[in-house]
PDB file of N, CA and C in Angstrom:
ATOM      1  N   MET A   1     -84.245  10.520  41.330  1.00  0.00           N
ATOM      2  CA  MET A   1     -84.171   9.363  40.465  1.00  0.00           C
ATOM      3  C   MET A   1     -85.100   8.291  40.997  1.00  0.00           C
ATOM      4  N   SER A   2     -85.856   7.746  40.133  1.00  0.00           N
ATOM      5  CA  SER A   2     -86.882   6.810  40.558  1.00  0.00           C
ATOM      6  C   SER A   2     -86.406   5.364  40.449  1.00  0.00           C
ATOM      7  N   GLY A   3     -85.695   4.900  41.459  1.00  0.00           N
ATOM      8  CA  GLY A   3     -85.339   3.491  41.549  1.00  0.00           C
ATOM      9  C   GLY A   3     -84.206   3.025  40.659  1.00  0.00           C
ATOM     10  N   THR A   4     -83.524   3.899  39.970  1.00  0.00           N
ATOM     11  CA  THR A   4     -82.411   3.438  39.143  1.00  0.00           C
ATOM     12  C   THR A   4     -81.136   3.422  39.974  1.00  0.00           C
ATOM     13  N   LYS A   5     -80.377   2.390  39.785  1.00  0.00           N
ATOM     14  CA  LYS A   5     -79.110   2.233  40.489  1.00  0.00           C
ATOM     15  C   LYS A   5     -77.986   2.295  39.459  1.00  0.00           C
ATOM     16  N   PRO A   6     -76.797   2.655  39.887  1.00  0.00           N
ATOM     17  CA  PRO A   6     -75.684   2.674  38.935  1.00  0.00           C
ATOM     18  C   PRO A   6     -75.464   1.326  38.258  1.00  0.00           C
ATOM     19  N   THR A   7     -75.787   0.224  38.957  1.00  0.00           N
ATOM     20  CA  THR A   7     -75.600  -1.091  38.355  1.00  0.00           C
ATOM     21  C   THR A   7     -76.663  -1.392  37.309  1.00  0.00           C
ATOM     22  N   ASP A   8     -77.770  -0.648  37.320  1.00  0.00           N
ATOM     23  CA  ASP A   8     -78.828  -0.853  36.343  1.00  0.00           C
ATOM     24  C   ASP A   8     -78.527  -0.177  35.012  1.00  0.00           C
ATOM     25  N   ALA A   9     -77.502   0.657  34.976  1.00  0.00           N
ATOM     26  CA  ALA A   9     -77.179   1.390  33.756  1.00  0.00           C
ATOM     27  C   ALA A   9     -76.717   0.408  32.677  1.00  0.00           C
ATOM     28  N   PRO A  10     -77.164   0.623  31.445  1.00  0.00           N
ATOM     29  CA  PRO A  10     -76.740  -0.277  30.365  1.00  0.00           C
ATOM     30  C   PRO A  10     -75.255  -0.084  30.061  1.00  0.00           C
ATOM     31  N   LYS A  11     -74.620  -1.147  29.625  1.00  0.00           N
ATOM     32  CA  LYS A  11     -73.210  -1.058  29.257  1.00  0.00           C
ATOM     33  C   LYS A  11     -73.080  -0.282  27.959  1.00  0.00           C
ATOM     34  N   VAL A  12     -72.079   0.555  27.918  1.00  0.00           N
ATOM     35  CA  VAL A  12     -71.826   1.290  26.685  1.00  0.00           C
ATOM     36  C   VAL A  12     -71.133   0.357  25.705  1.00  0.00           C
ATOM     37  N   PRO A  13     -71.317   0.569  24.404  1.00  0.00           N
ATOM     38  CA  PRO A  13     -70.780  -0.371  23.411  1.00  0.00           C
ATOM     39  C   PRO A  13     -69.265  -0.577  23.491  1.00  0.00           C
ATOM     40  N   TRP A  14     -68.525   0.448  23.826  1.00  0.00           N
ATOM     41  CA  TRP A  14     -67.074   0.321  23.839  1.00  0.00           C
ATOM     42  C   TRP A  14     -66.529  -0.279  25.130  1.00  0.00           C
ATOM     43  N   SER A  15     -67.376  -0.535  26.128  1.00  0.00           N
ATOM     44  CA  SER A  15     -66.863  -1.094  27.377  1.00  0.00           C
ATOM     45  C   SER A  15     -66.312  -2.505  27.179  1.00  0.00           C
ATOM     46  N   ALA A  16     -66.881  -3.262  26.257  1.00  0.00           N
ATOM     47  CA  ALA A  16     -66.351  -4.600  25.977  1.00  0.00           C
ATOM     48  C   ALA A  16     -64.951  -4.504  25.386  1.00  0.00           C
ATOM     49  N   GLU A  17     -64.714  -3.483  24.557  1.00  0.00           N
ATOM     50  CA  GLU A  17     -63.389  -3.280  23.985  1.00  0.00           C
ATOM     51  C   GLU A  17     -62.387  -2.913  25.074  1.00  0.00           C
ATOM     52  N   LEU A  18     -62.822  -2.084  26.030  1.00  0.00           N
ATOM     53  CA  LEU A  18     -61.943  -1.707  27.130  1.00  0.00           C
ATOM     54  C   LEU A  18     -61.618  -2.911  27.999  1.00  0.00           C
ATOM     55  N   ASP A  19     -62.612  -3.761  28.236  1.00  0.00           N
ATOM     56  CA  ASP A  19     -62.374  -4.979  29.017  1.00  0.00           C
ATOM     57  C   ASP A  19     -61.371  -5.884  28.304  1.00  0.00           C
ATOM     58  N   ALA A  20     -61.502  -6.005  26.991  1.00  0.00           N
ATOM     59  CA  ALA A  20     -60.588  -6.838  26.212  1.00  0.00           C
ATOM     60  C   ALA A  20     -59.177  -6.255  26.244  1.00  0.00           C
ATOM     61  N   LEU A  21     -59.062  -4.942  26.151  1.00  0.00           N
ATOM     62  CA  LEU A  21     -57.758  -4.288  26.206  1.00  0.00           C
ATOM     63  C   LEU A  21     -57.113  -4.482  27.576  1.00  0.00           C
ATOM     64  N   ALA A  22     -57.902  -4.344  28.632  1.00  0.00           N
ATOM     65  CA  ALA A  22     -57.387  -4.533  29.990  1.00  0.00           C
ATOM     66  C   ALA A  22     -56.915  -5.971  30.187  1.00  0.00           C
ATOM     67  N   GLU A  23     -57.671  -6.925  29.677  1.00  0.00           N
ATOM     68  CA  GLU A  23     -57.282  -8.326  29.807  1.00  0.00           C
ATOM     69  C   GLU A  23     -56.011  -8.614  29.011  1.00  0.00           C
ATOM     70  N   LYS A  24     -55.890  -8.004  27.831  1.00  0.00           N
ATOM     71  CA  LYS A  24     -54.684  -8.177  27.021  1.00  0.00           C
ATOM     72  C   LYS A  24     -53.472  -7.597  27.751  1.00  0.00           C
ATOM     73  N   ARG A  25     -53.621  -6.394  28.326  1.00  0.00           N
ATOM     74  CA  ARG A  25     -52.515  -5.766  29.054  1.00  0.00           C
ATOM     75  C   ARG A  25     -52.135  -6.606  30.270  1.00  0.00           C
ATOM     76  N   ARG A  26     -53.122  -7.118  30.975  1.00  0.00           N
ATOM     77  CA  ARG A  26     -52.857  -7.961  32.151  1.00  0.00           C
ATOM     78  C   ARG A  26     -52.076  -9.208  31.746  1.00  0.00           C
ATOM     79  N   ALA A  27     -52.451  -9.817  30.629  1.00  0.00           N
ATOM     80  CA  ALA A  27     -51.757 -11.013  30.148  1.00  0.00           C
ATOM     81  C   ALA A  27     -50.316 -10.690  29.749  1.00  0.00           C
ATOM     82  N   GLU A  28     -50.108  -9.538  29.092  1.00  0.00           N
ATOM     83  CA  GLU A  28     -48.755  -9.130  28.697  1.00  0.00           C
ATOM     84  C   GLU A  28     -47.882  -8.885  29.930  1.00  0.00           C
ATOM     85  N   ILE A  29     -48.440  -8.209  30.911  1.00  0.00           N
ATOM     86  CA  ILE A  29     -47.695  -7.925  32.138  1.00  0.00           C
ATOM     87  C   ILE A  29     -47.359  -9.223  32.862  1.00  0.00           C
ATOM     88  N   THR A  30     -48.324 -10.122  32.952  1.00  0.00           N
ATOM     89  CA  THR A  30     -48.099 -11.399  33.627  1.00  0.00           C
ATOM     90  C   THR A  30     -46.993 -12.195  32.944  1.00  0.00           C
ATOM     91  N   ALA A  31     -47.023 -12.241  31.618  1.00  0.00           N
ATOM     92  CA  ALA A  31     -45.998 -12.980  30.875  1.00  0.00           C
ATOM     93  C   ALA A  31     -44.616 -12.367  31.082  1.00  0.00           C
ATOM     94  N   ALA A  32     -44.527 -11.044  31.011  1.00  0.00           N
ATOM     95  CA  ALA A  32     -43.237 -10.370  31.214  1.00  0.00           C
ATOM     96  C   ALA A  32     -42.746 -10.547  32.647  1.00  0.00           C
ATOM     97  N   LEU A  33     -43.667 -10.509  33.595  1.00  0.00           N
ATOM     98  CA  LEU A  33     -43.329 -10.674  35.008  1.00  0.00           C
ATOM     99  C   LEU A  33     -42.769 -12.070  35.265  1.00  0.00           C
ATOM    100  N   GLU A  34     -43.371 -13.069  34.655  1.00  0.00           N
ATOM    101  CA  GLU A  34     -42.894 -14.440  34.824  1.00  0.00           C
ATOM    102  C   GLU A  34     -41.543 -14.636  34.147  1.00  0.00           C
ATOM    103  N   ALA A  35     -41.348 -14.012  32.978  1.00  0.00           N
ATOM    104  CA  ALA A  35     -40.067 -14.126  32.281  1.00  0.00           C
ATOM    105  C   ALA A  35     -38.944 -13.476  33.080  1.00  0.00           C
ATOM    106  N   ALA A  36     -39.270 -12.413  33.824  1.00  0.00           N
ATOM    107  CA  ALA A  36     -38.273 -11.701  34.636  1.00  0.00           C
ATOM    108  C   ALA A  36     -38.210 -12.229  36.062  1.00  0.00           C
ATOM    109  N   HIS A  37     -38.885 -13.340  36.334  1.00  0.00           N
ATOM    110  CA  HIS A  37     -38.908 -13.952  37.671  1.00  0.00           C
ATOM    111  C   HIS A  37     -39.354 -12.968  38.744  1.00  0.00           C
ATOM    112  N   GLY A  38     -40.324 -12.104  38.394  1.00  0.00           N
ATOM    113  CA  GLY A  38     -40.884 -11.169  39.363  1.00  0.00           C
ATOM    114  C   GLY A  38     -40.091  -9.899  39.554  1.00  0.00           C
ATOM    115  N   ASN A  39     -38.992  -9.721  38.821  1.00  0.00           N
ATOM    116  CA  ASN A  39     -38.171  -8.523  38.942  1.00  0.00           C
ATOM    117  C   ASN A  39     -38.900  -7.350  38.280  1.00  0.00           C
ATOM    118  N   ILE A  40     -39.287  -6.362  39.081  1.00  0.00           N
ATOM    119  CA  ILE A  40     -40.093  -5.250  38.595  1.00  0.00           C
ATOM    120  C   ILE A  40     -39.337  -4.430  37.556  1.00  0.00           C
ATOM    121  N   LEU A  41     -38.083  -4.104  37.835  1.00  0.00           N
ATOM    122  CA  LEU A  41     -37.303  -3.288  36.901  1.00  0.00           C
ATOM    123  C   LEU A  41     -37.120  -3.998  35.566  1.00  0.00           C
ATOM    124  N   GLN A  42     -36.767  -5.284  35.607  1.00  0.00           N
ATOM    125  CA  GLN A  42     -36.581  -6.040  34.372  1.00  0.00           C
ATOM    126  C   GLN A  42     -37.896  -6.164  33.594  1.00  0.00           C
ATOM    127  N   THR A  43     -38.996  -6.308  34.303  1.00  0.00           N
ATOM    128  CA  THR A  43     -40.309  -6.377  33.654  1.00  0.00           C
ATOM    129  C   THR A  43     -40.625  -5.059  32.975  1.00  0.00           C
ATOM    130  N   ALA A  44     -40.376  -3.951  33.668  1.00  0.00           N
ATOM    131  CA  ALA A  44     -40.640  -2.624  33.093  1.00  0.00           C
ATOM    132  C   ALA A  44     -39.792  -2.400  31.844  1.00  0.00           C
ATOM    133  N   LEU A  45     -38.513  -2.791  31.890  1.00  0.00           N
ATOM    134  CA  LEU A  45     -37.645  -2.643  30.728  1.00  0.00           C
ATOM    135  C   LEU A  45     -38.143  -3.483  29.558  1.00  0.00           C
ATOM    136  N   ALA A  46     -38.587  -4.701  29.842  1.00  0.00           N
ATOM    137  CA  ALA A  46     -39.087  -5.583  28.784  1.00  0.00           C
ATOM    138  C   ALA A  46     -40.351  -5.021  28.134  1.00  0.00           C
ATOM    139  N   LEU A  47     -41.180  -4.373  28.954  1.00  0.00           N
ATOM    140  CA  LEU A  47     -42.425  -3.800  28.425  1.00  0.00           C
ATOM    141  C   LEU A  47     -42.220  -2.405  27.839  1.00  0.00           C
ATOM    142  N   GLY A  48     -41.048  -1.811  28.083  1.00  0.00           N
ATOM    143  CA  GLY A  48     -40.779  -0.473  27.573  1.00  0.00           C
ATOM    144  C   GLY A  48     -41.582   0.604  28.282  1.00  0.00           C
ATOM    145  N   THR A  49     -41.781   0.431  29.568  1.00  0.00           N
ATOM    146  CA  THR A  49     -42.581   1.371  30.349  1.00  0.00           C
ATOM    147  C   THR A  49     -41.819   1.773  31.604  1.00  0.00           C
ATOM    148  N   PRO A  50     -42.094   2.949  32.144  1.00  0.00           N
ATOM    149  CA  PRO A  50     -41.444   3.317  33.398  1.00  0.00           C
ATOM    150  C   PRO A  50     -41.853   2.372  34.540  1.00  0.00           C
ATOM    151  N   ARG A  51     -40.917   2.177  35.464  1.00  0.00           N
ATOM    152  CA  ARG A  51     -41.163   1.284  36.595  1.00  0.00           C
ATOM    153  C   ARG A  51     -42.373   1.727  37.415  1.00  0.00           C
ATOM    154  N   THR A  52     -42.542   3.044  37.590  1.00  0.00           N
ATOM    155  CA  THR A  52     -43.673   3.537  38.384  1.00  0.00           C
ATOM    156  C   THR A  52     -45.001   3.233  37.698  1.00  0.00           C
ATOM    157  N   SER A  53     -45.024   3.321  36.374  1.00  0.00           N
ATOM    158  CA  SER A  53     -46.257   2.966  35.646  1.00  0.00           C
ATOM    159  C   SER A  53     -46.558   1.485  35.815  1.00  0.00           C
ATOM    160  N   LEU A  54     -45.516   0.665  35.736  1.00  0.00           N
ATOM    161  CA  LEU A  54     -45.712  -0.770  35.923  1.00  0.00           C
ATOM    162  C   LEU A  54     -46.246  -1.066  37.313  1.00  0.00           C
ATOM    163  N   LEU A  55     -45.707  -0.390  38.327  1.00  0.00           N
ATOM    164  CA  LEU A  55     -46.200  -0.603  39.691  1.00  0.00           C
ATOM    165  C   LEU A  55     -47.674  -0.228  39.800  1.00  0.00           C
ATOM    166  N   ASN A  56     -48.079   0.852  39.137  1.00  0.00           N
ATOM    167  CA  ASN A  56     -49.497   1.233  39.134  1.00  0.00           C
ATOM    168  C   ASN A  56     -50.346   0.167  38.460  1.00  0.00           C
ATOM    169  N   TRP A  57     -49.860  -0.379  37.341  1.00  0.00           N
ATOM    170  CA  TRP A  57     -50.606  -1.425  36.640  1.00  0.00           C
ATOM    171  C   TRP A  57     -50.678  -2.696  37.482  1.00  0.00           C
ATOM    172  N   LEU A  58     -49.581  -3.041  38.149  1.00  0.00           N
ATOM    173  CA  LEU A  58     -49.595  -4.228  39.009  1.00  0.00           C
ATOM    174  C   LEU A  58     -50.639  -4.089  40.106  1.00  0.00           C
ATOM    175  N   ALA A  59     -50.731  -2.899  40.683  1.00  0.00           N
ATOM    176  CA  ALA A  59     -51.744  -2.662  41.717  1.00  0.00           C
ATOM    177  C   ALA A  59     -53.144  -2.717  41.114  1.00  0.00           C
ATOM    178  N   LYS A  60     -53.309  -2.104  39.954  1.00  0.00           N
ATOM    179  CA  LYS A  60     -54.631  -2.052  39.307  1.00  0.00           C
ATOM    180  C   LYS A  60     -55.142  -3.449  38.959  1.00  0.00           C
ATOM    181  N   TYR A  61     -54.247  -4.312  38.453  1.00  0.00           N
ATOM    182  CA  TYR A  61     -54.648  -5.645  38.018  1.00  0.00           C
ATOM    183  C   TYR A  61     -54.451  -6.710  39.094  1.00  0.00           C
ATOM    184  N   GLY A  62     -54.072  -6.302  40.303  1.00  0.00           N
ATOM    185  CA  GLY A  62     -53.922  -7.246  41.399  1.00  0.00           C
ATOM    186  C   GLY A  62     -52.765  -8.212  41.233  1.00  0.00           C
ATOM    187  N   LEU A  63     -51.654  -7.741  40.662  1.00  0.00           N
ATOM    188  CA  LEU A  63     -50.528  -8.612  40.375  1.00  0.00           C
ATOM    189  C   LEU A  63     -49.321  -8.400  41.295  1.00  0.00           C
ATOM    190  N   LEU A  64     -49.434  -7.511  42.267  1.00  0.00           N
ATOM    191  CA  LEU A  64     -48.297  -7.264  43.158  1.00  0.00           C
ATOM    192  C   LEU A  64     -47.909  -8.516  43.943  1.00  0.00           C
ATOM    193  N   ALA A  65     -48.894  -9.233  44.445  1.00  0.00           N
ATOM    194  CA  ALA A  65     -48.609 -10.461  45.195  1.00  0.00           C
ATOM    195  C   ALA A  65     -47.970 -11.505  44.286  1.00  0.00           C
ATOM    196  N   ARG A  66     -48.409 -11.566  43.040  1.00  0.00           N
ATOM    197  CA  ARG A  66     -47.829 -12.510  42.074  1.00  0.00           C
ATOM    198  C   ARG A  66     -46.353 -12.202  41.849  1.00  0.00           C
ATOM    199  N   ALA A  67     -46.026 -10.901  41.750  1.00  0.00           N
ATOM    200  CA  ALA A  67     -44.635 -10.492  41.560  1.00  0.00           C
ATOM    201  C   ALA A  67     -43.775 -10.956  42.732  1.00  0.00           C
ATOM    202  N   MET A  68     -44.262 -10.766  43.937  1.00  0.00           N
ATOM    203  CA  MET A  68     -43.498 -11.181  45.110  1.00  0.00           C
ATOM    204  C   MET A  68     -43.367 -12.701  45.194  1.00  0.00           C
ATOM    205  N   ASP A  69     -44.427 -13.419  44.839  1.00  0.00           N
ATOM    206  CA  ASP A  69     -44.358 -14.878  44.839  1.00  0.00           C
ATOM    207  C   ASP A  69     -43.286 -15.370  43.868  1.00  0.00           C
ATOM    208  N   LEU A  70     -43.208 -14.743  42.690  1.00  0.00           N
ATOM    209  CA  LEU A  70     -42.204 -15.125  41.704  1.00  0.00           C
ATOM    210  C   LEU A  70     -40.796 -14.816  42.203  1.00  0.00           C
ATOM    211  N   ARG A  71     -40.638 -13.663  42.873  1.00  0.00           N
ATOM    212  CA  ARG A  71     -39.320 -13.286  43.396  1.00  0.00           C
ATOM    213  C   ARG A  71     -38.878 -14.282  44.473  1.00  0.00           C
ATOM    214  N   ILE A  72     -39.785 -14.659  45.344  1.00  0.00           N
ATOM    215  CA  ILE A  72     -39.449 -15.606  46.407  1.00  0.00           C
ATOM    216  C   ILE A  72     -39.096 -16.962  45.804  1.00  0.00           C
ATOM    217  N   ALA A  73     -39.869 -17.396  44.808  1.00  0.00           N
ATOM    218  CA  ALA A  73     -39.602 -18.676  44.155  1.00  0.00           C
ATOM    219  C   ALA A  73     -38.245 -18.665  43.449  1.00  0.00           C
ATOM    220  N   ALA A  74     -37.809 -17.475  42.989  1.00  0.00           N
ATOM    221  CA  ALA A  74     -36.520 -17.361  42.311  1.00  0.00           C
ATOM    222  C   ALA A  74     -35.355 -17.255  43.298  1.00  0.00           C
ATOM    223  N   GLY A  75     -35.653 -17.245  44.593  1.00  0.00           N
ATOM    224  CA  GLY A  75     -34.612 -17.212  45.602  1.00  0.00           C
ATOM    225  C   GLY A  75     -34.246 -15.830  46.091  1.00  0.00           C
ATOM    226  N   TYR A  76     -35.063 -14.848  45.831  1.00  0.00           N
ATOM    227  CA  TYR A  76     -34.795 -13.476  46.264  1.00  0.00           C
ATOM    228  C   TYR A  76     -34.895 -13.389  47.781  1.00  0.00           C
ATOM    229  N   ARG A  77     -33.870 -12.801  48.405  1.00  0.00           N
ATOM    230  CA  ARG A  77     -33.877 -12.633  49.854  1.00  0.00           C
ATOM    231  C   ARG A  77     -33.662 -11.191  50.275  1.00  0.00           C
ATOM    232  N   GLY A  78     -33.564 -10.292  49.358  1.00  0.00           N
ATOM    233  CA  GLY A  78     -33.287  -8.904  49.687  1.00  0.00           C
ATOM    234  C   GLY A  78     -31.917  -8.518  49.157  1.00  0.00           C
ATOM    235  N   VAL A  79     -31.689  -7.255  49.008  1.00  0.00           N
ATOM    236  CA  VAL A  79     -30.434  -6.775  48.442  1.00  0.00           C
ATOM    237  C   VAL A  79     -29.704  -5.932  49.468  1.00  0.00           C
ATOM    238  N   GLY A  80     -28.427  -6.148  49.601  1.00  0.00           N
ATOM    239  CA  GLY A  80     -27.594  -5.318  50.443  1.00  0.00           C
ATOM    240  C   GLY A  80     -27.824  -5.480  51.930  1.00  0.00           C
ATOM    241  N   ARG A  81     -28.401  -6.569  52.334  1.00  0.00           N
ATOM    242  CA  ARG A  81     -28.634  -6.792  53.756  1.00  0.00           C
ATOM    243  C   ARG A  81     -27.582  -7.755  54.283  1.00  0.00           C
ATOM    244  N   PRO A  82     -26.716  -7.280  55.172  1.00  0.00           N
ATOM    245  CA  PRO A  82     -25.697  -8.197  55.705  1.00  0.00           C
ATOM    246  C   PRO A  82     -26.336  -9.236  56.613  1.00  0.00           C
ATOM    247  N   ALA A  83     -25.691 -10.374  56.693  1.00  0.00           N
ATOM    248  CA  ALA A  83     -26.190 -11.425  57.575  1.00  0.00           C
ATOM    249  C   ALA A  83     -26.067 -10.956  59.013  1.00  0.00           C
ATOM    250  N   LYS A  84     -26.928 -11.429  59.864  1.00  0.00           N
ATOM    251  CA  LYS A  84     -26.885 -11.054  61.286  1.00  0.00           C
ATOM    252  C   LYS A  84     -25.575 -11.534  61.899  1.00  0.00           C
ATOM    253  N   ASN A  85     -25.001 -10.676  62.728  1.00  0.00           N
ATOM    254  CA  ASN A  85     -23.778 -10.992  63.456  1.00  0.00           C
ATOM    255  C   ASN A  85     -22.633 -11.411  62.534  1.00  0.00           C
ATOM    256  N   SER A  86     -22.588 -10.811  61.345  1.00  0.00           N
ATOM    257  CA  SER A  86     -21.531 -11.179  60.411  1.00  0.00           C
ATOM    258  C   SER A  86     -20.195 -10.558  60.786  1.00  0.00           C
ATOM    259  N   GLY A  87     -20.240  -9.512  61.610  1.00  0.00           N
ATOM    260  CA  GLY A  87     -19.004  -8.870  62.024  1.00  0.00           C
ATOM    261  C   GLY A  87     -18.464  -7.902  60.988  1.00  0.00           C
ATOM    262  N   SER A  88     -19.146  -7.758  59.842  1.00  0.00           N
ATOM    263  CA  SER A  88     -18.647  -6.872  58.803  1.00  0.00           C
ATOM    264  C   SER A  88     -18.873  -5.408  59.122  1.00  0.00           C
ATOM    265  N   VAL A  89     -19.848  -5.115  59.975  1.00  0.00           N
ATOM    266  CA  VAL A  89     -20.127  -3.734  60.344  1.00  0.00           C
ATOM    267  C   VAL A  89     -19.978  -3.620  61.840  1.00  0.00           C
ATOM    268  N   LYS A  90     -19.065  -2.733  62.276  1.00  0.00           N
ATOM    269  CA  LYS A  90     -18.859  -2.552  63.715  1.00  0.00           C
ATOM    270  C   LYS A  90     -19.572  -1.296  64.166  1.00  0.00           C
ATOM    271  N   VAL A  91     -20.348  -1.444  65.216  1.00  0.00           N
ATOM    272  CA  VAL A  91     -21.098  -0.337  65.762  1.00  0.00           C
ATOM    273  C   VAL A  91     -20.446   0.083  67.083  1.00  0.00           C
ATOM    274  N   GLY A  92     -20.216   1.380  67.252  1.00  0.00           N
ATOM    275  CA  GLY A  92     -19.617   1.857  68.482  1.00  0.00           C
ATOM    276  C   GLY A  92     -18.100   1.763  68.461  1.00  0.00           C
ATOM    277  N   LYS A  93     -17.492   1.869  69.655  1.00  0.00           N
ATOM    278  CA  LYS A  93     -16.019   1.850  69.735  1.00  0.00           C
ATOM    279  C   LYS A  93     -15.491   0.571  70.299  1.00  0.00           C
TER     280      LYS A  93
END
């Protein structure tokens, strides 16, 4: 190949449509994520998609950190974790 780079390739006509679709999906996911306060399962249910697909989309669109920020802002501290030294679980005899 004589000096052509992959970045020199002309854009195909439908790539603008794909970009618009990706931006629309990103906006829908962001809105649902904010409505669910970052709860992944609730967001997936609202979008009607499996949770694993949503996680893939969050990674693809760079929204995983946004989800965690929303969860922290909503007061999420973890589920099923007992407080330290609560005495509720005895270890040993």
